[in-house]
Structure formats: C-alpha cells, structure tokens
Amino acid sequence: MPISIGCAIWSYPGWIGEVYPPKTPAKEFLHVYSNHFPAVEGNTTFYAIPDKVTIDRWRSQTPPKFKFCLKFPRAITHNGLLVPYLIQAQTFITQMQALGNKLGVMFIQLPPNYAPSEGFADLTAFLTALSRRDVSIALEVRHLDWFNSPHRERLNELLTKLGIGRVILDSRPIYEADKSGEVAIACKKPRVPIDLTLTAPFSLIRYVSHPVRSANQIWLDGWAKQVKIWLQQDTQVYMFVHCPIEVKSPINARYLHEVLGASGISLAPLPPPLSDDSPVQLNLF
C-alpha cells in the first residue's frame, strides 16, 4: 500500500483487549500487532541494536508486506558530532538490511542541541558518506534554527540532493489542544514547526495524538488532505501515531485510519478492536 499506518511500538501490555486478545503472551505481541497494523516505527533500536537472532525472529513473526521503520541508535546520533560514528552507522544499516523487504524507512533523529550553526558541515559530511544503497533514510531535526532561513533551505537542498527524506513531527494536538476544545497535557515530545517539503519519494510522519480521540479530528482532517496530495504524486507515506497516554495510541491510530478512509484514500481494512470477552483466539492470527 502507498500508505502505512501504525504505532511507535509493538509491545505494550496495556493494549490487551484493544490489539492483543486476552491472555496473549508477550512473546506474541509483535506477531499479533503485525496482523493488526501494516507497519511500526520501531523505537526499540534507539536504545539497543538487535542481534541476528532477534532480527530473524522479527522477520518470521510478521506478514510478508509488514514494514519496520527503525530509528538509528542514540549511541550514534546523541553523542555530539556524527562523522566519528560513521562506521557504526553503516554497520547498523547493514545489520538492519537483514530484514529484507520488511525494512521500511530508517531515520536519524538529531537531539535538540544539534544546531545548524555548528553541525551543518558535520551533517553534510555524514549523510554524504553514509551508504544509502537499497535503503531509505530520513532525518528528524529538533533544534529550531533548522526550521528558519537560511538553514531550512540549505537542509532541504542537501536532503533532496541525497534523496533523504524529512521526518515530520506533529505535536500540535498536544500543544495547541485548545483549538479542539481540549486542554494541553504533559508531553515529552518537543514543539517544532512542520515542514512539508518533500525531499525524497517518501514521507514519514510522527503524529503525537491527543488522548481524547475526537480532539484529533481537526488535525487529521488536515493530514488527510495533505496525504491525498502526496499519494497523487506517487509518494510513499508512513504515518505513526504516538500518544502521551500510550494505551490510547492504537485507538487513535484506528481513528486516523477511519479519517483517511472517509476522505477517499484507499486503505486495507483493520481488524476490529477486541474486548475482554472477545471470542477471538490467538491461533486465528
């Protein structure tokens, strides 16, 4: 499908009854999740690099068209300059390519203190040297200067030249919640501008949803319009739903699916939500 929807993680015990049938063992969470949503953001690699056994297990537990969009380890991206960690980054890419066609976009998240005034030359050298053969890579920036001229234009030019996408972090539903009649709540995700510039034939959106389902409608209606434009341009779209209250993430991801479908976007159907008295058995997955 030209658009894949999912959550930031696949393993969360609080999703039992919503995603996992009752009494689902934790070792089956990925298997069940992957038959519910077609993709996952996969933040797990930010904290630890999986070994070959783990990667093979991920492959065997998921359907043929499932996609993992994995974050580069913080040991590479959050230790100052990037160039000194080029070899580690290339090794990480090679390791994750063992996922085969289940590997979606890999993305680099830069910390808020990585500024263009000191980091642009380093970032340019790192991305230029980074092996991008048979892999899609995207970049998320958080220092606010990256969103202002002239750094914004320089960054978009660099990414376009290299075929690297931009990660879009949309935290408006939390910080501008009053526009939907709700109140802002505590959130660790930063508040950054949204740059819709396409620098690659794909887009990766990290949508930080409000826990109140209906509060997301004004934002999701806007995303539906934008996604339709991108799909008409043959852009592959990945959209992952976060929520400060994690138990709400799959509920809001389902709502995203509903809003996009209502706008006329063709989507594969999602399985119905479960309940504590659901007769669905694990072996049906």
C-alpha atoms as a PDB file:
ATOM      1  CA  MET A   1       0.000   0.000   0.000  1.00  0.00           C
ATOM      2  CA  PRO A   2       1.226   3.545  -0.723  1.00  0.00           C
ATOM      3  CA  ILE A   3       0.357   4.498   2.865  1.00  0.00           C
ATOM      4  CA  SER A   4       1.204   2.549   6.005  1.00  0.00           C
ATOM      5  CA  ILE A   5      -0.234   3.373   9.436  1.00  0.00           C
ATOM      6  CA  GLY A   6       0.980   2.144  12.791  1.00  0.00           C
ATOM      7  CA  CYS A   7       2.213   2.969  16.277  1.00  0.00           C
ATOM      8  CA  ALA A   8       5.641   3.810  17.664  1.00  0.00           C
ATOM      9  CA  ILE A   9       5.989   0.461  19.453  1.00  0.00           C
ATOM     10  CA  TRP A  10       4.516  -3.010  19.104  1.00  0.00           C
ATOM     11  CA  SER A  11       4.803  -4.294  22.656  1.00  0.00           C
ATOM     12  CA  TYR A  12       2.603  -2.772  25.331  1.00  0.00           C
ATOM     13  CA  PRO A  13       0.657  -4.865  27.872  1.00  0.00           C
ATOM     14  CA  GLY A  14      -1.979  -2.147  28.181  1.00  0.00           C
ATOM     15  CA  TRP A  15      -3.131  -2.957  24.637  1.00  0.00           C
ATOM     16  CA  ILE A  16      -4.558  -6.300  25.672  1.00  0.00           C
ATOM     17  CA  GLY A  17      -8.232  -6.151  24.781  1.00  0.00           C
ATOM     18  CA  GLU A  18      -7.592  -3.498  22.122  1.00  0.00           C
ATOM     19  CA  VAL A  19      -4.897  -5.074  19.933  1.00  0.00           C
ATOM     20  CA  TYR A  20      -3.979  -8.367  21.611  1.00  0.00           C
ATOM     21  CA  PRO A  21      -6.566 -10.984  22.582  1.00  0.00           C
ATOM     22  CA  PRO A  22      -6.834 -11.702  26.317  1.00  0.00           C
ATOM     23  CA  LYS A  23      -4.003 -13.801  27.746  1.00  0.00           C
ATOM     24  CA  THR A  24      -1.711 -13.146  24.787  1.00  0.00           C
ATOM     25  CA  PRO A  25       1.882 -13.839  25.946  1.00  0.00           C
ATOM     26  CA  ALA A  26       4.363 -11.003  25.486  1.00  0.00           C
ATOM     27  CA  LYS A  27       6.433 -13.063  23.034  1.00  0.00           C
ATOM     28  CA  GLU A  28       3.430 -12.995  20.659  1.00  0.00           C
ATOM     29  CA  PHE A  29       2.850  -9.229  20.817  1.00  0.00           C
ATOM     30  CA  LEU A  30       4.769  -8.463  17.598  1.00  0.00           C
ATOM     31  CA  HIS A  31       3.042 -11.268  15.725  1.00  0.00           C
ATOM     32  CA  VAL A  32      -0.405 -10.058  16.739  1.00  0.00           C
ATOM     33  CA  TYR A  33       0.418  -6.363  16.263  1.00  0.00           C
ATOM     34  CA  SER A  34       1.717  -7.006  12.726  1.00  0.00           C
ATOM     35  CA  ASN A  35      -1.579  -8.608  11.775  1.00  0.00           C
ATOM     36  CA  HIS A  36      -3.365  -5.534  13.084  1.00  0.00           C
ATOM     37  CA  PHE A  37      -1.265  -2.683  11.645  1.00  0.00           C
ATOM     38  CA  PRO A  38       0.894  -2.835   8.488  1.00  0.00           C
ATOM     39  CA  ALA A  39       3.919  -1.015   9.943  1.00  0.00           C
ATOM     40  CA  VAL A  40       5.653   0.029  13.157  1.00  0.00           C
ATOM     41  CA  GLU A  41       8.024   2.868  13.950  1.00  0.00           C
ATOM     42  CA  GLY A  42      10.306   0.625  15.986  1.00  0.00           C
ATOM     43  CA  ASN A  43      11.850   2.897  18.613  1.00  0.00           C
ATOM     44  CA  THR A  44      13.499  -0.122  20.200  1.00  0.00           C
ATOM     45  CA  THR A  45      16.629   0.294  18.063  1.00  0.00           C
ATOM     46  CA  PHE A  46      17.198   3.753  19.533  1.00  0.00           C
ATOM     47  CA  TYR A  47      18.100   2.077  22.817  1.00  0.00           C
ATOM     48  CA  ALA A  48      19.690  -1.197  21.739  1.00  0.00           C
ATOM     49  CA  ILE A  49      20.793  -2.823  18.492  1.00  0.00           C
ATOM     50  CA  PRO A  50      19.122  -6.194  17.974  1.00  0.00           C
ATOM     51  CA  ASP A  51      21.275  -9.216  17.211  1.00  0.00           C
ATOM     52  CA  LYS A  52      20.789 -11.518  14.231  1.00  0.00           C
ATOM     53  CA  VAL A  53      18.628 -13.946  16.197  1.00  0.00           C
ATOM     54  CA  THR A  54      16.263 -11.130  17.144  1.00  0.00           C
ATOM     55  CA  ILE A  55      16.105  -9.781  13.588  1.00  0.00           C
ATOM     56  CA  ASP A  56      15.354 -13.252  12.238  1.00  0.00           C
ATOM     57  CA  ARG A  57      12.583 -13.586  14.807  1.00  0.00           C
ATOM     58  CA  TRP A  58      11.100 -10.241  13.755  1.00  0.00           C
ATOM     59  CA  ARG A  59      11.040 -11.451  10.160  1.00  0.00           C
ATOM     60  CA  SER A  60       9.448 -14.783  10.985  1.00  0.00           C
ATOM     61  CA  GLN A  61       6.751 -13.267  13.209  1.00  0.00           C
ATOM     62  CA  THR A  62       5.453 -10.711  10.701  1.00  0.00           C
ATOM     63  CA  PRO A  63       3.485 -10.892   7.414  1.00  0.00           C
ATOM     64  CA  PRO A  64       5.320 -10.558   4.074  1.00  0.00           C
ATOM     65  CA  LYS A  65       4.365  -6.903   3.480  1.00  0.00           C
ATOM     66  CA  PHE A  66       4.900  -5.640   7.030  1.00  0.00           C
ATOM     67  CA  LYS A  67       7.338  -2.713   7.413  1.00  0.00           C
ATOM     68  CA  PHE A  68       9.741  -1.788  10.210  1.00  0.00           C
ATOM     69  CA  CYS A  69      10.762   1.904  10.240  1.00  0.00           C
ATOM     70  CA  LEU A  70      13.688   1.873  12.617  1.00  0.00           C
ATOM     71  CA  LYS A  71      15.420   4.714  14.431  1.00  0.00           C
ATOM     72  CA  PHE A  72      19.203   4.978  14.430  1.00  0.00           C
ATOM     73  CA  PRO A  73      20.732   4.193  17.851  1.00  0.00           C
ATOM     74  CA  ARG A  74      21.237   7.112  20.221  1.00  0.00           C
ATOM     75  CA  ALA A  75      24.852   5.933  20.632  1.00  0.00           C
ATOM     76  CA  ILE A  76      25.343   7.208  17.066  1.00  0.00           C
ATOM     77  CA  THR A  77      23.103  10.273  16.991  1.00  0.00           C
ATOM     78  CA  HIS A  78      23.271  11.688  20.519  1.00  0.00           C
ATOM     79  CA  ASN A  79      26.997  11.846  21.278  1.00  0.00           C
ATOM     80  CA  GLY A  80      27.976  15.103  19.647  1.00  0.00           C
ATOM     81  CA  LEU A  81      29.299  15.098  16.078  1.00  0.00           C
ATOM     82  CA  LEU A  82      28.070  12.406  13.699  1.00  0.00           C
ATOM     83  CA  VAL A  83      31.106  11.805  11.498  1.00  0.00           C
ATOM     84  CA  PRO A  84      33.072   9.953  14.222  1.00  0.00           C
ATOM     85  CA  TYR A  85      30.238   7.398  14.260  1.00  0.00           C
ATOM     86  CA  LEU A  86      30.018   6.869  10.503  1.00  0.00           C
ATOM     87  CA  ILE A  87      31.345   3.301  10.638  1.00  0.00           C
ATOM     88  CA  GLN A  88      28.869   2.386  13.384  1.00  0.00           C
ATOM     89  CA  ALA A  89      26.044   3.911  11.343  1.00  0.00           C
ATOM     90  CA  GLN A  90      26.986   1.957   8.242  1.00  0.00           C
ATOM     91  CA  THR A  91      27.222  -1.222  10.291  1.00  0.00           C
ATOM     92  CA  PHE A  92      23.766  -0.571  11.741  1.00  0.00           C
ATOM     93  CA  ILE A  93      22.289  -0.159   8.252  1.00  0.00           C
ATOM     94  CA  THR A  94      23.868  -3.412   7.106  1.00  0.00           C
ATOM     95  CA  GLN A  95      22.571  -5.255  10.157  1.00  0.00           C
ATOM     96  CA  MET A  96      19.018  -3.990   9.696  1.00  0.00           C
ATOM     97  CA  GLN A  97      19.037  -4.880   5.989  1.00  0.00           C
ATOM     98  CA  ALA A  98      18.746  -8.476   7.168  1.00  0.00           C
ATOM     99  CA  LEU A  99      15.035  -7.646   7.450  1.00  0.00           C
ATOM    100  CA  GLY A 100      14.926  -7.708   3.660  1.00  0.00           C
ATOM    101  CA  ASN A 101      11.842  -6.132   2.096  1.00  0.00           C
ATOM    102  CA  LYS A 102      10.342  -5.685   5.566  1.00  0.00           C
ATOM    103  CA  LEU A 103      12.737  -2.812   6.212  1.00  0.00           C
ATOM    104  CA  GLY A 104      10.921   0.467   5.591  1.00  0.00           C
ATOM    105  CA  VAL A 105      12.433   3.895   6.183  1.00  0.00           C
ATOM    106  CA  MET A 106      15.325   4.134   8.650  1.00  0.00           C
ATOM    107  CA  PHE A 107      15.501   7.502  10.361  1.00  0.00           C
ATOM    108  CA  ILE A 108      18.057   9.624  12.131  1.00  0.00           C
ATOM    109  CA  GLN A 109      16.775  11.756  14.999  1.00  0.00           C
ATOM    110  CA  LEU A 110      19.062  14.627  15.930  1.00  0.00           C
ATOM    111  CA  PRO A 111      18.930  15.957  19.508  1.00  0.00           C
ATOM    112  CA  PRO A 112      17.642  19.479  20.274  1.00  0.00           C
ATOM    113  CA  ASN A 113      21.169  20.749  20.916  1.00  0.00           C
ATOM    114  CA  TYR A 114      22.432  19.773  17.452  1.00  0.00           C
ATOM    115  CA  ALA A 115      22.303  23.189  15.782  1.00  0.00           C
ATOM    116  CA  PRO A 116      22.984  24.065  12.128  1.00  0.00           C
ATOM    117  CA  SER A 117      25.494  26.766  13.023  1.00  0.00           C
ATOM    118  CA  GLU A 118      27.869  24.139  14.418  1.00  0.00           C
ATOM    119  CA  GLY A 119      26.507  20.977  12.830  1.00  0.00           C
ATOM    120  CA  PHE A 120      25.739  21.618   9.162  1.00  0.00           C
ATOM    121  CA  ALA A 121      29.217  20.730   7.910  1.00  0.00           C
ATOM    122  CA  ASP A 122      29.277  17.631  10.092  1.00  0.00           C
ATOM    123  CA  LEU A 123      25.789  16.577   8.980  1.00  0.00           C
ATOM    124  CA  THR A 124      26.674  17.137   5.313  1.00  0.00           C
ATOM    125  CA  ALA A 125      29.805  15.015   5.573  1.00  0.00           C
ATOM    126  CA  PHE A 126      27.988  12.284   7.497  1.00  0.00           C
ATOM    127  CA  LEU A 127      24.978  11.985   5.195  1.00  0.00           C
ATOM    128  CA  THR A 128      27.083  12.229   2.040  1.00  0.00           C
ATOM    129  CA  ALA A 129      29.366   9.404   3.152  1.00  0.00           C
ATOM    130  CA  LEU A 130      26.590   7.248   4.586  1.00  0.00           C
ATOM    131  CA  SER A 131      25.805   4.224   2.460  1.00  0.00           C
ATOM    132  CA  ARG A 132      22.271   4.597   1.087  1.00  0.00           C
ATOM    133  CA  ARG A 133      22.232   1.641  -1.294  1.00  0.00           C
ATOM    134  CA  ASP A 134      18.947  -0.278  -1.170  1.00  0.00           C
ATOM    135  CA  VAL A 135      17.754   1.608   1.897  1.00  0.00           C
ATOM    136  CA  SER A 136      15.503   4.610   2.519  1.00  0.00           C
ATOM    137  CA  ILE A 137      16.746   7.104   5.103  1.00  0.00           C
ATOM    138  CA  ALA A 138      15.016  10.095   6.677  1.00  0.00           C
ATOM    139  CA  LEU A 139      16.176  12.819   9.040  1.00  0.00           C
ATOM    140  CA  GLU A 140      14.438  14.429  12.016  1.00  0.00           C
ATOM    141  CA  VAL A 141      15.799  17.741  13.294  1.00  0.00           C
ATOM    142  CA  ARG A 142      14.743  19.363  16.548  1.00  0.00           C
ATOM    143  CA  HIS A 143      16.831  22.489  17.046  1.00  0.00           C
ATOM    144  CA  LEU A 144      14.525  25.333  15.985  1.00  0.00           C
ATOM    145  CA  ASP A 145      17.137  27.009  13.802  1.00  0.00           C
ATOM    146  CA  TRP A 146      16.802  24.164  11.273  1.00  0.00           C
ATOM    147  CA  PHE A 147      13.291  25.440  10.505  1.00  0.00           C
ATOM    148  CA  ASN A 148      14.385  29.039   9.790  1.00  0.00           C
ATOM    149  CA  SER A 149      16.156  30.642   6.828  1.00  0.00           C
ATOM    150  CA  PRO A 150      18.779  30.129   5.579  1.00  0.00           C
ATOM    151  CA  HIS A 151      19.259  26.791   7.355  1.00  0.00           C
ATOM    152  CA  ARG A 152      15.894  25.393   6.276  1.00  0.00           C
ATOM    153  CA  GLU A 153      16.641  25.932   2.592  1.00  0.00           C
ATOM    154  CA  ARG A 154      20.176  24.580   2.895  1.00  0.00           C
ATOM    155  CA  LEU A 155      18.961  21.480   4.676  1.00  0.00           C
ATOM    156  CA  ASN A 156      16.191  20.779   2.155  1.00  0.00           C
ATOM    157  CA  GLU A 157      18.648  21.246  -0.699  1.00  0.00           C
ATOM    158  CA  LEU A 158      21.080  18.790   0.893  1.00  0.00           C
ATOM    159  CA  LEU A 159      18.404  16.179   1.589  1.00  0.00           C
ATOM    160  CA  THR A 160      16.958  16.492  -1.918  1.00  0.00           C
ATOM    161  CA  LYS A 161      20.388  16.065  -3.465  1.00  0.00           C
ATOM    162  CA  LEU A 162      20.989  12.887  -1.446  1.00  0.00           C
ATOM    163  CA  GLY A 163      17.447  11.508  -1.698  1.00  0.00           C
ATOM    164  CA  ILE A 164      16.986  11.578   2.080  1.00  0.00           C
ATOM    165  CA  GLY A 165      13.526  12.302   3.436  1.00  0.00           C
ATOM    166  CA  ARG A 166      12.383  14.639   6.189  1.00  0.00           C
ATOM    167  CA  VAL A 167      10.714  13.258   9.293  1.00  0.00           C
ATOM    168  CA  ILE A 168       7.719  15.358  10.285  1.00  0.00           C
ATOM    169  CA  LEU A 169       6.978  15.530  13.995  1.00  0.00           C
ATOM    170  CA  ASP A 170       3.464  16.866  14.539  1.00  0.00           C
ATOM    171  CA  SER A 171       2.876  17.639  18.206  1.00  0.00           C
ATOM    172  CA  ARG A 172       0.194  20.294  17.610  1.00  0.00           C
ATOM    173  CA  PRO A 173      -2.637  18.159  19.062  1.00  0.00           C
ATOM    174  CA  ILE A 174      -0.892  18.407  22.447  1.00  0.00           C
ATOM    175  CA  TYR A 175       0.421  21.962  22.459  1.00  0.00           C
ATOM    176  CA  GLU A 176      -2.482  23.567  20.597  1.00  0.00           C
ATOM    177  CA  ALA A 177      -5.193  21.420  22.135  1.00  0.00           C
ATOM    178  CA  ASP A 178      -7.371  24.438  22.885  1.00  0.00           C
ATOM    179  CA  LYS A 179      -8.176  24.640  19.167  1.00  0.00           C
ATOM    180  CA  SER A 180     -10.094  21.390  19.530  1.00  0.00           C
ATOM    181  CA  GLY A 181     -11.728  22.395  22.802  1.00  0.00           C
ATOM    182  CA  GLU A 182      -9.400  20.294  24.933  1.00  0.00           C
ATOM    183  CA  VAL A 183      -6.535  21.183  27.245  1.00  0.00           C
ATOM    184  CA  ALA A 184      -2.829  20.594  26.770  1.00  0.00           C
ATOM    185  CA  ILE A 185      -1.325  17.723  28.709  1.00  0.00           C
ATOM    186  CA  ALA A 186       2.202  16.790  29.727  1.00  0.00           C
ATOM    187  CA  CYS A 187       4.261  15.614  26.765  1.00  0.00           C
ATOM    188  CA  LYS A 188       7.961  14.856  26.339  1.00  0.00           C
ATOM    189  CA  LYS A 189       7.924  15.383  22.591  1.00  0.00           C
ATOM    190  CA  PRO A 190       9.180  18.831  21.518  1.00  0.00           C
ATOM    191  CA  ARG A 191       7.118  21.503  19.859  1.00  0.00           C
ATOM    192  CA  VAL A 192       8.658  22.162  16.463  1.00  0.00           C
ATOM    193  CA  PRO A 193       7.378  23.676  13.192  1.00  0.00           C
ATOM    194  CA  ILE A 194       6.115  21.453  10.403  1.00  0.00           C
ATOM    195  CA  ASP A 195       7.964  21.478   7.082  1.00  0.00           C
ATOM    196  CA  LEU A 196       6.014  19.680   4.348  1.00  0.00           C
ATOM    197  CA  THR A 197       8.830  19.863   1.801  1.00  0.00           C
ATOM    198  CA  LEU A 198       9.310  16.549   0.016  1.00  0.00           C
ATOM    199  CA  THR A 199      12.995  15.761  -0.368  1.00  0.00           C
ATOM    200  CA  ALA A 200      12.552  12.071  -1.266  1.00  0.00           C
ATOM    201  CA  PRO A 201       9.834   9.851  -2.772  1.00  0.00           C
ATOM    202  CA  PHE A 202       8.535   9.056   0.694  1.00  0.00           C
ATOM    203  CA  SER A 203       7.360  10.864   3.821  1.00  0.00           C
ATOM    204  CA  LEU A 204       7.482   9.747   7.452  1.00  0.00           C
ATOM    205  CA  ILE A 205       5.073  11.463   9.843  1.00  0.00           C
ATOM    206  CA  ARG A 206       5.231  11.063  13.613  1.00  0.00           C
ATOM    207  CA  TYR A 207       1.838  12.214  14.842  1.00  0.00           C
ATOM    208  CA  VAL A 208       1.605  12.944  18.573  1.00  0.00           C
ATOM    209  CA  SER A 209      -2.094  12.475  19.222  1.00  0.00           C
ATOM    210  CA  HIS A 210      -4.242  13.926  21.968  1.00  0.00           C
ATOM    211  CA  PRO A 211      -5.606  11.254  24.328  1.00  0.00           C
ATOM    212  CA  VAL A 212      -9.165  12.441  23.649  1.00  0.00           C
ATOM    213  CA  ARG A 213      -9.972  10.742  20.351  1.00  0.00           C
ATOM    214  CA  SER A 214     -12.246  13.454  18.966  1.00  0.00           C
ATOM    215  CA  ALA A 215      -9.687  16.181  19.708  1.00  0.00           C
ATOM    216  CA  ASN A 216      -7.566  14.858  16.839  1.00  0.00           C
ATOM    217  CA  GLN A 217     -10.132  15.403  14.117  1.00  0.00           C
ATOM    218  CA  ILE A 218      -9.131  18.927  13.118  1.00  0.00           C
ATOM    219  CA  TRP A 219      -5.518  17.825  12.716  1.00  0.00           C
ATOM    220  CA  LEU A 220      -6.300  14.528  10.988  1.00  0.00           C
ATOM    221  CA  ASP A 221      -8.631  16.229   8.519  1.00  0.00           C
ATOM    222  CA  GLY A 222      -5.695  18.412   7.508  1.00  0.00           C
ATOM    223  CA  TRP A 223      -3.395  15.423   7.215  1.00  0.00           C
ATOM    224  CA  ALA A 224      -5.938  13.609   5.047  1.00  0.00           C
ATOM    225  CA  LYS A 225      -5.836  16.475   2.545  1.00  0.00           C
ATOM    226  CA  GLN A 226      -2.031  16.546   2.548  1.00  0.00           C
ATOM    227  CA  VAL A 227      -1.671  12.778   2.254  1.00  0.00           C
ATOM    228  CA  LYS A 228      -4.026  12.746  -0.744  1.00  0.00           C
ATOM    229  CA  ILE A 229      -1.780  15.293  -2.469  1.00  0.00           C
ATOM    230  CA  TRP A 230       1.315  13.209  -1.776  1.00  0.00           C
ATOM    231  CA  LEU A 231      -0.305   9.992  -2.932  1.00  0.00           C
ATOM    232  CA  GLN A 232      -1.240  11.685  -6.205  1.00  0.00           C
ATOM    233  CA  GLN A 233       2.486  12.414  -6.570  1.00  0.00           C
ATOM    234  CA  ASP A 234       3.330   8.700  -6.059  1.00  0.00           C
ATOM    235  CA  THR A 235       4.793   9.385  -2.624  1.00  0.00           C
ATOM    236  CA  GLN A 236       5.062   6.512  -0.159  1.00  0.00           C
ATOM    237  CA  VAL A 237       3.632   7.689   3.171  1.00  0.00           C
ATOM    238  CA  TYR A 238       4.339   6.252   6.609  1.00  0.00           C
ATOM    239  CA  MET A 239       2.318   7.709   9.491  1.00  0.00           C
ATOM    240  CA  PHE A 240       2.872   6.610  13.065  1.00  0.00           C
ATOM    241  CA  VAL A 241       0.649   7.592  15.959  1.00  0.00           C
ATOM    242  CA  HIS A 242       2.119   8.449  19.349  1.00  0.00           C
ATOM    243  CA  CYS A 243       0.233   9.466  22.476  1.00  0.00           C
ATOM    244  CA  PRO A 244       1.445  10.686  25.882  1.00  0.00           C
ATOM    245  CA  ILE A 245      -1.004   8.139  27.306  1.00  0.00           C
ATOM    246  CA  GLU A 246       0.304   5.073  25.493  1.00  0.00           C
ATOM    247  CA  VAL A 247      -2.805   2.973  25.941  1.00  0.00           C
ATOM    248  CA  LYS A 248      -4.573   5.402  23.573  1.00  0.00           C
ATOM    249  CA  SER A 249      -2.090   5.057  20.679  1.00  0.00           C
ATOM    250  CA  PRO A 250      -3.778   2.165  18.815  1.00  0.00           C
ATOM    251  CA  ILE A 251      -7.200   3.719  19.392  1.00  0.00           C
ATOM    252  CA  ASN A 252      -6.033   6.946  17.790  1.00  0.00           C
ATOM    253  CA  ALA A 253      -4.223   5.058  15.014  1.00  0.00           C
ATOM    254  CA  ARG A 254      -7.526   3.374  14.239  1.00  0.00           C
ATOM    255  CA  TYR A 255      -9.174   6.813  14.190  1.00  0.00           C
ATOM    256  CA  LEU A 256      -6.514   8.040  11.748  1.00  0.00           C
ATOM    257  CA  HIS A 257      -7.333   5.081   9.518  1.00  0.00           C
ATOM    258  CA  GLU A 258     -11.028   5.997   9.753  1.00  0.00           C
ATOM    259  CA  VAL A 259     -10.478   9.664   8.873  1.00  0.00           C
ATOM    260  CA  LEU A 260      -8.200   8.870   5.932  1.00  0.00           C
ATOM    261  CA  GLY A 261     -10.646   6.310   4.606  1.00  0.00           C
ATOM    262  CA  ALA A 262     -13.562   8.736   4.911  1.00  0.00           C
ATOM    263  CA  SER A 263     -11.576  11.245   2.829  1.00  0.00           C
ATOM    264  CA  GLY A 264     -11.455   8.810  -0.076  1.00  0.00           C
ATOM    265  CA  ILE A 265      -7.979   7.355   0.485  1.00  0.00           C
ATOM    266  CA  SER A 266      -7.863   3.634  -0.301  1.00  0.00           C
ATOM    267  CA  LEU A 267      -6.717   1.633   2.733  1.00  0.00           C
ATOM    268  CA  ALA A 268      -6.626  -2.015   3.652  1.00  0.00           C
ATOM    269  CA  PRO A 269      -9.178  -2.681   6.415  1.00  0.00           C
ATOM    270  CA  LEU A 270      -8.018  -3.083  10.018  1.00  0.00           C
ATOM    271  CA  PRO A 271      -9.222  -5.925  12.235  1.00  0.00           C
ATOM    272  CA  PRO A 272     -11.971  -4.829  14.650  1.00  0.00           C
ATOM    273  CA  PRO A 273     -10.904  -3.836  18.176  1.00  0.00           C
ATOM    274  CA  LEU A 274     -11.057  -6.583  20.753  1.00  0.00           C
ATOM    275  CA  SER A 275     -12.689  -6.648  24.170  1.00  0.00           C
ATOM    276  CA  ASP A 276     -12.072  -8.615  27.333  1.00  0.00           C
ATOM    277  CA  ASP A 277     -14.816 -11.062  26.392  1.00  0.00           C
ATOM    278  CA  SER A 278     -13.706 -11.372  22.760  1.00  0.00           C
ATOM    279  CA  PRO A 279     -14.028 -14.914  21.383  1.00  0.00           C
ATOM    280  CA  VAL A 280     -11.049 -14.348  19.068  1.00  0.00           C
ATOM    281  CA  GLN A 281      -8.279 -16.856  19.703  1.00  0.00           C
ATOM    282  CA  LEU A 282      -4.586 -16.254  19.159  1.00  0.00           C
ATOM    283  CA  ASN A 283      -4.291 -19.023  16.569  1.00  0.00           C
ATOM    284  CA  LEU A 284      -6.515 -17.025  14.212  1.00  0.00           C
ATOM    285  CA  PHE A 285      -3.580 -14.696  13.660  1.00  0.00           C
END
